[in-house]
Amino acid sequence: MNTQFKKGVVELCILKLLSEKDMYGFEVIEALANLLFVNENTVYPILRRLTQQGLFTIYTKETNLGAPRKYYHLTAKGRKQLEEYLKEWNLFIKNVYLILGGDYE
């Protein structure tokens, strides 16, 4: 799969995951790894960039397993971006299905 295309899809998926609950970085990686074949080298740069853009805030939480974990929380700006990406994604998928001759509902 094209790397740039994959990064865009991963970004959308990260936003969607974090719209459902706050997660720490490795938790995001685990949620995506088996489905999209991504690793920390893909996910952490996206998390950093989206945080810098104001789509996430970060807080730390203590754990019994060692160092505190850094959790990502989707901001209102992040939710708005997710809505826009989902509209674009749905239109894109619909058009691809039309080109390929399949049905899209």
PDB file of N, CA and C in Angstrom:
ATOM      1  N   MET A   1       0.846  -1.179   0.000  1.00  0.00           N
ATOM      2  CA  MET A   1       0.000   0.000   0.000  1.00  0.00           C
ATOM      3  C   MET A   1       0.891   1.241   0.000  1.00  0.00           C
ATOM      4  N   ASN A   2       0.507   2.252  -0.744  1.00  0.00           N
ATOM      5  CA  ASN A   2       1.231   3.507  -0.810  1.00  0.00           C
ATOM      6  C   ASN A   2       1.386   4.097   0.586  1.00  0.00           C
ATOM      7  N   THR A   3       2.607   4.513   0.920  1.00  0.00           N
ATOM      8  CA  THR A   3       2.912   4.992   2.271  1.00  0.00           C
ATOM      9  C   THR A   3       2.097   6.223   2.644  1.00  0.00           C
ATOM     10  N   GLN A   4       1.990   7.199   1.751  1.00  0.00           N
ATOM     11  CA  GLN A   4       1.236   8.418   2.060  1.00  0.00           C
ATOM     12  C   GLN A   4      -0.247   8.110   2.256  1.00  0.00           C
ATOM     13  N   PHE A   5      -0.784   7.252   1.413  1.00  0.00           N
ATOM     14  CA  PHE A   5      -2.183   6.858   1.545  1.00  0.00           C
ATOM     15  C   PHE A   5      -2.403   6.162   2.884  1.00  0.00           C
ATOM     16  N   LYS A   6      -1.488   5.262   3.222  1.00  0.00           N
ATOM     17  CA  LYS A   6      -1.590   4.513   4.473  1.00  0.00           C
ATOM     18  C   LYS A   6      -1.543   5.454   5.672  1.00  0.00           C
ATOM     19  N   LYS A   7      -0.647   6.455   5.639  1.00  0.00           N
ATOM     20  CA  LYS A   7      -0.553   7.400   6.753  1.00  0.00           C
ATOM     21  C   LYS A   7      -1.851   8.169   6.938  1.00  0.00           C
ATOM     22  N   GLY A   8      -2.498   8.543   5.826  1.00  0.00           N
ATOM     23  CA  GLY A   8      -3.773   9.241   5.918  1.00  0.00           C
ATOM     24  C   GLY A   8      -4.847   8.376   6.551  1.00  0.00           C
ATOM     25  N   VAL A   9      -4.870   7.115   6.183  1.00  0.00           N
ATOM     26  CA  VAL A   9      -5.844   6.178   6.754  1.00  0.00           C
ATOM     27  C   VAL A   9      -5.544   5.949   8.231  1.00  0.00           C
ATOM     28  N   VAL A  10      -4.272   5.809   8.569  1.00  0.00           N
ATOM     29  CA  VAL A  10      -3.884   5.602   9.969  1.00  0.00           C
ATOM     30  C   VAL A  10      -4.282   6.820  10.798  1.00  0.00           C
ATOM     31  N   GLU A  11      -4.069   8.017  10.252  1.00  0.00           N
ATOM     32  CA  GLU A  11      -4.457   9.236  10.960  1.00  0.00           C
ATOM     33  C   GLU A  11      -5.956   9.236  11.249  1.00  0.00           C
ATOM     34  N   LEU A  12      -6.756   8.907  10.268  1.00  0.00           N
ATOM     35  CA  LEU A  12      -8.205   8.826  10.449  1.00  0.00           C
ATOM     36  C   LEU A  12      -8.555   7.806  11.529  1.00  0.00           C
ATOM     37  N   CYS A  13      -7.921   6.644  11.485  1.00  0.00           N
ATOM     38  CA  CYS A  13      -8.203   5.586  12.461  1.00  0.00           C
ATOM     39  C   CYS A  13      -7.790   5.994  13.876  1.00  0.00           C
ATOM     40  N   ILE A  14      -6.671   6.684  14.004  1.00  0.00           N
ATOM     41  CA  ILE A  14      -6.235   7.162  15.322  1.00  0.00           C
ATOM     42  C   ILE A  14      -7.248   8.149  15.876  1.00  0.00           C
ATOM     43  N   LEU A  15      -7.689   9.087  15.053  1.00  0.00           N
ATOM     44  CA  LEU A  15      -8.699  10.046  15.503  1.00  0.00           C
ATOM     45  C   LEU A  15      -9.969   9.323  15.948  1.00  0.00           C
ATOM     46  N   LYS A  16     -10.387   8.327  15.182  1.00  0.00           N
ATOM     47  CA  LYS A  16     -11.607   7.581  15.527  1.00  0.00           C
ATOM     48  C   LYS A  16     -11.441   6.824  16.843  1.00  0.00           C
ATOM     49  N   LEU A  17     -10.312   6.139  17.005  1.00  0.00           N
ATOM     50  CA  LEU A  17     -10.068   5.412  18.256  1.00  0.00           C
ATOM     51  C   LEU A  17     -10.112   6.346  19.455  1.00  0.00           C
ATOM     52  N   LEU A  18      -9.468   7.502  19.323  1.00  0.00           N
ATOM     53  CA  LEU A  18      -9.393   8.432  20.444  1.00  0.00           C
ATOM     54  C   LEU A  18     -10.686   9.214  20.646  1.00  0.00           C
ATOM     55  N   SER A  19     -11.609   9.128  19.694  1.00  0.00           N
ATOM     56  CA  SER A  19     -12.926   9.739  19.909  1.00  0.00           C
ATOM     57  C   SER A  19     -13.763   8.867  20.833  1.00  0.00           C
ATOM     58  N   GLU A  20     -13.380   7.600  20.947  1.00  0.00           N
ATOM     59  CA  GLU A  20     -14.123   6.657  21.774  1.00  0.00           C
ATOM     60  C   GLU A  20     -13.613   6.600  23.204  1.00  0.00           C
ATOM     61  N   LYS A  21     -12.289   6.770  23.376  1.00  0.00           N
ATOM     62  CA  LYS A  21     -11.717   6.793  24.725  1.00  0.00           C
ATOM     63  C   LYS A  21     -10.284   7.300  24.652  1.00  0.00           C
ATOM     64  N   ASP A  22      -9.797   7.835  25.761  1.00  0.00           N
ATOM     65  CA  ASP A  22      -8.399   8.236  25.850  1.00  0.00           C
ATOM     66  C   ASP A  22      -7.542   6.975  25.839  1.00  0.00           C
ATOM     67  N   MET A  23      -6.397   7.067  25.179  1.00  0.00           N
ATOM     68  CA  MET A  23      -5.515   5.907  25.074  1.00  0.00           C
ATOM     69  C   MET A  23      -4.070   6.365  25.189  1.00  0.00           C
ATOM     70  N   TYR A  24      -3.201   5.456  25.641  1.00  0.00           N
ATOM     71  CA  TYR A  24      -1.767   5.745  25.622  1.00  0.00           C
ATOM     72  C   TYR A  24      -1.197   5.205  24.315  1.00  0.00           C
ATOM     73  N   GLY A  25      -0.016   5.665  23.954  1.00  0.00           N
ATOM     74  CA  GLY A  25       0.557   5.372  22.648  1.00  0.00           C
ATOM     75  C   GLY A  25       0.594   3.907  22.275  1.00  0.00           C
ATOM     76  N   PHE A  26       1.113   3.074  23.168  1.00  0.00           N
ATOM     77  CA  PHE A  26       1.232   1.656  22.837  1.00  0.00           C
ATOM     78  C   PHE A  26      -0.138   1.007  22.677  1.00  0.00           C
ATOM     79  N   GLU A  27      -1.118   1.505  23.407  1.00  0.00           N
ATOM     80  CA  GLU A  27      -2.489   0.997  23.286  1.00  0.00           C
ATOM     81  C   GLU A  27      -3.043   1.295  21.884  1.00  0.00           C
ATOM     82  N   VAL A  28      -2.733   2.478  21.368  1.00  0.00           N
ATOM     83  CA  VAL A  28      -3.136   2.838  20.006  1.00  0.00           C
ATOM     84  C   VAL A  28      -2.470   1.893  19.008  1.00  0.00           C
ATOM     85  N   ILE A  29      -1.174   1.664  19.201  1.00  0.00           N
ATOM     86  CA  ILE A  29      -0.428   0.770  18.307  1.00  0.00           C
ATOM     87  C   ILE A  29      -1.035  -0.626  18.316  1.00  0.00           C
ATOM     88  N   GLU A  30      -1.333  -1.148  19.500  1.00  0.00           N
ATOM     89  CA  GLU A  30      -1.926  -2.487  19.598  1.00  0.00           C
ATOM     90  C   GLU A  30      -3.268  -2.563  18.877  1.00  0.00           C
ATOM     91  N   ALA A  31      -4.070  -1.496  18.988  1.00  0.00           N
ATOM     92  CA  ALA A  31      -5.388  -1.492  18.353  1.00  0.00           C
ATOM     93  C   ALA A  31      -5.290  -1.497  16.828  1.00  0.00           C
ATOM     94  N   LEU A  32      -4.223  -0.910  16.298  1.00  0.00           N
ATOM     95  CA  LEU A  32      -4.076  -0.786  14.847  1.00  0.00           C
ATOM     96  C   LEU A  32      -3.185  -1.839  14.206  1.00  0.00           C
ATOM     97  N   ALA A  33      -2.240  -2.362  14.966  1.00  0.00           N
ATOM     98  CA  ALA A  33      -1.157  -3.174  14.398  1.00  0.00           C
ATOM     99  C   ALA A  33      -1.637  -4.361  13.576  1.00  0.00           C
ATOM    100  N   ASN A  34      -2.551  -5.128  14.090  1.00  0.00           N
ATOM    101  CA  ASN A  34      -2.987  -6.339  13.388  1.00  0.00           C
ATOM    102  C   ASN A  34      -3.891  -6.055  12.199  1.00  0.00           C
ATOM    103  N   LEU A  35      -4.588  -4.935  12.240  1.00  0.00           N
ATOM    104  CA  LEU A  35      -5.519  -4.617  11.158  1.00  0.00           C
ATOM    105  C   LEU A  35      -4.861  -3.838  10.028  1.00  0.00           C
ATOM    106  N   LEU A  36      -3.964  -2.916  10.386  1.00  0.00           N
ATOM    107  CA  LEU A  36      -3.360  -2.050   9.370  1.00  0.00           C
ATOM    108  C   LEU A  36      -1.868  -2.287   9.187  1.00  0.00           C
ATOM    109  N   PHE A  37      -1.314  -3.225   9.930  1.00  0.00           N
ATOM    110  CA  PHE A  37       0.109  -3.563   9.818  1.00  0.00           C
ATOM    111  C   PHE A  37       1.000  -2.334  10.009  1.00  0.00           C
ATOM    112  N   VAL A  38       0.767  -1.624  11.105  1.00  0.00           N
ATOM    113  CA  VAL A  38       1.584  -0.459  11.449  1.00  0.00           C
ATOM    114  C   VAL A  38       2.337  -0.737  12.736  1.00  0.00           C
ATOM    115  N   ASN A  39       3.358   0.061  12.980  1.00  0.00           N
ATOM    116  CA  ASN A  39       4.125  -0.066  14.212  1.00  0.00           C
ATOM    117  C   ASN A  39       4.383   1.322  14.787  1.00  0.00           C
ATOM    118  N   GLU A  40       5.206   1.379  15.828  1.00  0.00           N
ATOM    119  CA  GLU A  40       5.466   2.647  16.510  1.00  0.00           C
ATOM    120  C   GLU A  40       6.123   3.676  15.599  1.00  0.00           C
ATOM    121  N   ASN A  41       6.865   3.230  14.587  1.00  0.00           N
ATOM    122  CA  ASN A  41       7.518   4.165  13.671  1.00  0.00           C
ATOM    123  C   ASN A  41       6.520   4.931  12.813  1.00  0.00           C
ATOM    124  N   THR A  42       5.330   4.418  12.692  1.00  0.00           N
ATOM    125  CA  THR A  42       4.253   5.110  11.974  1.00  0.00           C
ATOM    126  C   THR A  42       3.377   5.891  12.942  1.00  0.00           C
ATOM    127  N   VAL A  43       3.003   5.272  14.046  1.00  0.00           N
ATOM    128  CA  VAL A  43       1.996   5.844  14.944  1.00  0.00           C
ATOM    129  C   VAL A  43       2.522   7.027  15.751  1.00  0.00           C
ATOM    130  N   TYR A  44       3.693   6.905  16.376  1.00  0.00           N
ATOM    131  CA  TYR A  44       4.169   7.983  17.247  1.00  0.00           C
ATOM    132  C   TYR A  44       4.390   9.307  16.521  1.00  0.00           C
ATOM    133  N   PRO A  45       4.957   9.320  15.314  1.00  0.00           N
ATOM    134  CA  PRO A  45       5.070  10.608  14.612  1.00  0.00           C
ATOM    135  C   PRO A  45       3.708  11.243  14.312  1.00  0.00           C
ATOM    136  N   ILE A  46       2.708  10.419  14.003  1.00  0.00           N
ATOM    137  CA  ILE A  46       1.365  10.948  13.758  1.00  0.00           C
ATOM    138  C   ILE A  46       0.787  11.522  15.046  1.00  0.00           C
ATOM    139  N   LEU A  47       0.948  10.812  16.160  1.00  0.00           N
ATOM    140  CA  LEU A  47       0.461  11.323  17.451  1.00  0.00           C
ATOM    141  C   LEU A  47       1.123  12.658  17.790  1.00  0.00           C
ATOM    142  N   ARG A  48       2.439  12.755  17.577  1.00  0.00           N
ATOM    143  CA  ARG A  48       3.149  14.011  17.857  1.00  0.00           C
ATOM    144  C   ARG A  48       2.633  15.151  16.980  1.00  0.00           C
ATOM    145  N   ARG A  49       2.495  14.880  15.699  1.00  0.00           N
ATOM    146  CA  ARG A  49       2.061  15.920  14.761  1.00  0.00           C
ATOM    147  C   ARG A  49       0.642  16.394  15.081  1.00  0.00           C
ATOM    148  N   LEU A  50      -0.260  15.458  15.339  1.00  0.00           N
ATOM    149  CA  LEU A  50      -1.643  15.832  15.638  1.00  0.00           C
ATOM    150  C   LEU A  50      -1.752  16.558  16.976  1.00  0.00           C
ATOM    151  N   THR A  51      -0.882  16.216  17.914  1.00  0.00           N
ATOM    152  CA  THR A  51      -0.841  16.936  19.189  1.00  0.00           C
ATOM    153  C   THR A  51      -0.376  18.368  18.953  1.00  0.00           C
ATOM    154  N   GLN A  52       0.659  18.538  18.134  1.00  0.00           N
ATOM    155  CA  GLN A  52       1.164  19.881  17.813  1.00  0.00           C
ATOM    156  C   GLN A  52       0.109  20.717  17.095  1.00  0.00           C
ATOM    157  N   GLN A  53      -0.766  20.064  16.350  1.00  0.00           N
ATOM    158  CA  GLN A  53      -1.838  20.763  15.638  1.00  0.00           C
ATOM    159  C   GLN A  53      -3.031  21.070  16.543  1.00  0.00           C
ATOM    160  N   GLY A  54      -2.974  20.624  17.796  1.00  0.00           N
ATOM    161  CA  GLY A  54      -4.041  20.899  18.746  1.00  0.00           C
ATOM    162  C   GLY A  54      -5.209  19.931  18.685  1.00  0.00           C
ATOM    163  N   LEU A  55      -5.014  18.779  18.033  1.00  0.00           N
ATOM    164  CA  LEU A  55      -6.099  17.805  17.940  1.00  0.00           C
ATOM    165  C   LEU A  55      -6.171  16.902  19.165  1.00  0.00           C
ATOM    166  N   PHE A  56      -5.078  16.820  19.909  1.00  0.00           N
ATOM    167  CA  PHE A  56      -5.021  16.052  21.153  1.00  0.00           C
ATOM    168  C   PHE A  56      -4.414  16.901  22.250  1.00  0.00           C
ATOM    169  N   THR A  57      -4.799  16.601  23.480  1.00  0.00           N
ATOM    170  CA  THR A  57      -4.040  17.047  24.642  1.00  0.00           C
ATOM    171  C   THR A  57      -3.441  15.788  25.256  1.00  0.00           C
ATOM    172  N   ILE A  58      -2.424  15.981  26.063  1.00  0.00           N
ATOM    173  CA  ILE A  58      -1.726  14.852  26.683  1.00  0.00           C
ATOM    174  C   ILE A  58      -1.787  15.009  28.194  1.00  0.00           C
ATOM    175  N   TYR A  59      -1.988  13.897  28.880  1.00  0.00           N
ATOM    176  CA  TYR A  59      -1.856  13.879  30.332  1.00  0.00           C
ATOM    177  C   TYR A  59      -1.189  12.570  30.720  1.00  0.00           C
ATOM    178  N   THR A  60      -0.576  12.544  31.889  1.00  0.00           N
ATOM    179  CA  THR A  60       0.088  11.321  32.342  1.00  0.00           C
ATOM    180  C   THR A  60      -0.715  10.690  33.463  1.00  0.00           C
ATOM    181  N   LYS A  61      -0.607   9.385  33.538  1.00  0.00           N
ATOM    182  CA  LYS A  61      -1.331   8.614  34.544  1.00  0.00           C
ATOM    183  C   LYS A  61      -0.367   7.590  35.129  1.00  0.00           C
ATOM    184  N   GLU A  62      -0.333   7.508  36.435  1.00  0.00           N
ATOM    185  CA  GLU A  62       0.525   6.535  37.112  1.00  0.00           C
ATOM    186  C   GLU A  62       0.024   5.119  36.843  1.00  0.00           C
ATOM    187  N   THR A  63       0.956   4.185  36.869  1.00  0.00           N
ATOM    188  CA  THR A  63       0.623   2.782  36.672  1.00  0.00           C
ATOM    189  C   THR A  63       1.452   1.938  37.627  1.00  0.00           C
ATOM    190  N   ASN A  64       0.976   0.772  37.951  1.00  0.00           N
ATOM    191  CA  ASN A  64       1.715  -0.145  38.823  1.00  0.00           C
ATOM    192  C   ASN A  64       2.843  -0.849  38.077  1.00  0.00           C
ATOM    193  N   LEU A  65       2.874  -0.688  36.768  1.00  0.00           N
ATOM    194  CA  LEU A  65       3.809  -1.433  35.932  1.00  0.00           C
ATOM    195  C   LEU A  65       5.094  -0.675  35.610  1.00  0.00           C
ATOM    196  N   GLY A  66       5.334   0.452  36.239  1.00  0.00           N
ATOM    197  CA  GLY A  66       6.563   1.195  35.967  1.00  0.00           C
ATOM    198  C   GLY A  66       6.294   2.669  35.752  1.00  0.00           C
ATOM    199  N   ALA A  67       6.871   3.188  34.681  1.00  0.00           N
ATOM    200  CA  ALA A  67       6.775   4.620  34.390  1.00  0.00           C
ATOM    201  C   ALA A  67       5.328   5.030  34.112  1.00  0.00           C
ATOM    202  N   PRO A  68       5.001   6.291  34.416  1.00  0.00           N
ATOM    203  CA  PRO A  68       3.658   6.784  34.093  1.00  0.00           C
ATOM    204  C   PRO A  68       3.407   6.711  32.587  1.00  0.00           C
ATOM    205  N   ARG A  69       2.163   6.514  32.215  1.00  0.00           N
ATOM    206  CA  ARG A  69       1.798   6.445  30.800  1.00  0.00           C
ATOM    207  C   ARG A  69       1.280   7.797  30.328  1.00  0.00           C
ATOM    208  N   LYS A  70       1.616   8.127  29.085  1.00  0.00           N
ATOM    209  CA  LYS A  70       1.167   9.366  28.465  1.00  0.00           C
ATOM    210  C   LYS A  70      -0.109   9.064  27.675  1.00  0.00           C
ATOM    211  N   TYR A  71      -1.217   9.643  28.117  1.00  0.00           N
ATOM    212  CA  TYR A  71      -2.502   9.423  27.460  1.00  0.00           C
ATOM    213  C   TYR A  71      -2.832  10.576  26.522  1.00  0.00           C
ATOM    214  N   TYR A  72      -3.485  10.236  25.423  1.00  0.00           N
ATOM    215  CA  TYR A  72      -3.915  11.215  24.430  1.00  0.00           C
ATOM    216  C   TYR A  72      -5.424  11.386  24.543  1.00  0.00           C
ATOM    217  N   HIS A  73      -5.853  12.652  24.564  1.00  0.00           N
ATOM    218  CA  HIS A  73      -7.271  12.995  24.680  1.00  0.00           C
ATOM    219  C   HIS A  73      -7.653  13.852  23.475  1.00  0.00           C
ATOM    220  N   LEU A  74      -8.701  13.464  22.769  1.00  0.00           N
ATOM    221  CA  LEU A  74      -9.152  14.195  21.591  1.00  0.00           C
ATOM    222  C   LEU A  74      -9.813  15.505  22.013  1.00  0.00           C
ATOM    223  N   THR A  75      -9.380  16.613  21.421  1.00  0.00           N
ATOM    224  CA  THR A  75      -9.937  17.929  21.721  1.00  0.00           C
ATOM    225  C   THR A  75     -11.164  18.188  20.840  1.00  0.00           C
ATOM    226  N   ALA A  76     -11.846  19.299  21.100  1.00  0.00           N
ATOM    227  CA  ALA A  76     -12.977  19.696  20.254  1.00  0.00           C
ATOM    228  C   ALA A  76     -12.501  19.908  18.816  1.00  0.00           C
ATOM    229  N   LYS A  77     -11.324  20.494  18.667  1.00  0.00           N
ATOM    230  CA  LYS A  77     -10.744  20.678  17.330  1.00  0.00           C
ATOM    231  C   LYS A  77     -10.501  19.320  16.674  1.00  0.00           C
ATOM    232  N   GLY A  78     -10.050  18.346  17.449  1.00  0.00           N
ATOM    233  CA  GLY A  78      -9.827  17.003  16.938  1.00  0.00           C
ATOM    234  C   GLY A  78     -11.119  16.332  16.501  1.00  0.00           C
ATOM    235  N   ARG A  79     -12.179  16.537  17.271  1.00  0.00           N
ATOM    236  CA  ARG A  79     -13.482  15.960  16.909  1.00  0.00           C
ATOM    237  C   ARG A  79     -14.006  16.561  15.605  1.00  0.00           C
ATOM    238  N   LYS A  80     -13.811  17.857  15.462  1.00  0.00           N
ATOM    239  CA  LYS A  80     -14.231  18.522  14.227  1.00  0.00           C
ATOM    240  C   LYS A  80     -13.436  17.982  13.039  1.00  0.00           C
ATOM    241  N   GLN A  81     -12.130  17.810  13.225  1.00  0.00           N
ATOM    242  CA  GLN A  81     -11.284  17.269  12.158  1.00  0.00           C
ATOM    243  C   GLN A  81     -11.716  15.853  11.795  1.00  0.00           C
ATOM    244  N   LEU A  82     -12.038  15.050  12.799  1.00  0.00           N
ATOM    245  CA  LEU A  82     -12.508  13.687  12.552  1.00  0.00           C
ATOM    246  C   LEU A  82     -13.777  13.703  11.706  1.00  0.00           C
ATOM    247  N   GLU A  83     -14.720  14.570  12.038  1.00  0.00           N
ATOM    248  CA  GLU A  83     -15.963  14.668  11.263  1.00  0.00           C
ATOM    249  C   GLU A  83     -15.672  14.997   9.802  1.00  0.00           C
ATOM    250  N   GLU A  84     -14.748  15.941   9.579  1.00  0.00           N
ATOM    251  CA  GLU A  84     -14.395  16.326   8.210  1.00  0.00           C
ATOM    252  C   GLU A  84     -13.731  15.164   7.474  1.00  0.00           C
ATOM    253  N   TYR A  85     -12.799  14.483   8.146  1.00  0.00           N
ATOM    254  CA  TYR A  85     -12.121  13.341   7.530  1.00  0.00           C
ATOM    255  C   TYR A  85     -13.098  12.224   7.192  1.00  0.00           C
ATOM    256  N   LEU A  86     -14.064  11.977   8.087  1.00  0.00           N
ATOM    257  CA  LEU A  86     -15.047  10.915   7.830  1.00  0.00           C
ATOM    258  C   LEU A  86     -15.912  11.234   6.617  1.00  0.00           C
ATOM    259  N   LYS A  87     -16.302  12.499   6.463  1.00  0.00           N
ATOM    260  CA  LYS A  87     -17.069  12.898   5.280  1.00  0.00           C
ATOM    261  C   LYS A  87     -16.251  12.666   4.015  1.00  0.00           C
ATOM    262  N   GLU A  88     -14.991  13.109   4.048  1.00  0.00           N
ATOM    263  CA  GLU A  88     -14.108  12.926   2.892  1.00  0.00           C
ATOM    264  C   GLU A  88     -13.902  11.442   2.596  1.00  0.00           C
ATOM    265  N   TRP A  89     -13.676  10.660   3.652  1.00  0.00           N
ATOM    266  CA  TRP A  89     -13.429   9.227   3.488  1.00  0.00           C
ATOM    267  C   TRP A  89     -14.641   8.531   2.871  1.00  0.00           C
ATOM    268  N   ASN A  90     -15.833   8.828   3.385  1.00  0.00           N
ATOM    269  CA  ASN A  90     -17.047   8.189   2.872  1.00  0.00           C
ATOM    270  C   ASN A  90     -17.290   8.534   1.408  1.00  0.00           C
ATOM    271  N   LEU A  91     -17.048   9.777   1.032  1.00  0.00           N
ATOM    272  CA  LEU A  91     -17.191  10.171  -0.369  1.00  0.00           C
ATOM    273  C   LEU A  91     -16.152   9.458  -1.231  1.00  0.00           C
ATOM    274  N   PHE A  92     -14.934   9.385  -0.741  1.00  0.00           N
ATOM    275  CA  PHE A  92     -13.855   8.716  -1.464  1.00  0.00           C
ATOM    276  C   PHE A  92     -14.193   7.249  -1.706  1.00  0.00           C
ATOM    277  N   ILE A  93     -14.597   6.554  -0.651  1.00  0.00           N
ATOM    278  CA  ILE A  93     -14.930   5.126  -0.755  1.00  0.00           C
ATOM    279  C   ILE A  93     -16.109   4.915  -1.702  1.00  0.00           C
ATOM    280  N   LYS A  94     -17.118   5.771  -1.588  1.00  0.00           N
ATOM    281  CA  LYS A  94     -18.280   5.670  -2.474  1.00  0.00           C
ATOM    282  C   LYS A  94     -17.842   5.781  -3.932  1.00  0.00           C
ATOM    283  N   ASN A  95     -16.991   6.742  -4.234  1.00  0.00           N
ATOM    284  CA  ASN A  95     -16.537   6.944  -5.606  1.00  0.00           C
ATOM    285  C   ASN A  95     -15.659   5.799  -6.099  1.00  0.00           C
ATOM    286  N   VAL A  96     -14.833   5.249  -5.227  1.00  0.00           N
ATOM    287  CA  VAL A  96     -14.014   4.095  -5.606  1.00  0.00           C
ATOM    288  C   VAL A  96     -14.920   2.912  -5.942  1.00  0.00           C
ATOM    289  N   TYR A  97     -15.930   2.673  -5.126  1.00  0.00           N
ATOM    290  CA  TYR A  97     -16.871   1.585  -5.405  1.00  0.00           C
ATOM    291  C   TYR A  97     -17.580   1.798  -6.742  1.00  0.00           C
ATOM    292  N   LEU A  98     -17.951   3.041  -7.037  1.00  0.00           N
ATOM    293  CA  LEU A  98     -18.602   3.327  -8.314  1.00  0.00           C
ATOM    294  C   LEU A  98     -17.676   3.007  -9.482  1.00  0.00           C
ATOM    295  N   ILE A  99     -16.419   3.379  -9.350  1.00  0.00           N
ATOM    296  CA  ILE A  99     -15.444   3.108 -10.405  1.00  0.00           C
ATOM    297  C   ILE A  99     -15.237   1.607 -10.572  1.00  0.00           C
ATOM    298  N   LEU A 100     -15.165   0.898  -9.459  1.00  0.00           N
ATOM    299  CA  LEU A 100     -14.911  -0.542  -9.508  1.00  0.00           C
ATOM    300  C   LEU A 100     -16.152  -1.359  -9.854  1.00  0.00           C
ATOM    301  N   GLY A 101     -17.302  -0.706  -9.875  1.00  0.00           N
ATOM    302  CA  GLY A 101     -18.521  -1.397 -10.278  1.00  0.00           C
ATOM    303  C   GLY A 101     -19.255  -2.101  -9.163  1.00  0.00           C
ATOM    304  N   GLY A 102     -18.934  -1.782  -7.927  1.00  0.00           N
ATOM    305  CA  GLY A 102     -19.607  -2.413  -6.800  1.00  0.00           C
ATOM    306  C   GLY A 102     -20.649  -1.504  -6.194  1.00  0.00           C
ATOM    307  N   ASP A 103     -21.350  -2.034  -5.218  1.00  0.00           N
ATOM    308  CA  ASP A 103     -22.347  -1.249  -4.484  1.00  0.00           C
ATOM    309  C   ASP A 103     -21.725  -0.695  -3.220  1.00  0.00           C
ATOM    310  N   TYR A 104     -22.115   0.506  -2.892  1.00  0.00           N
ATOM    311  CA  TYR A 104     -21.696   1.119  -1.638  1.00  0.00           C
ATOM    312  C   TYR A 104     -22.936   1.656  -0.967  1.00  0.00           C
ATOM    313  N   GLU A 105     -23.134   1.280   0.273  1.00  0.00           N
ATOM    314  CA  GLU A 105     -24.328   1.735   0.984  1.00  0.00           C
ATOM    315  C   GLU A 105     -23.969   2.641   2.103  1.00  0.00           C
TER     316      GLU A 105
END
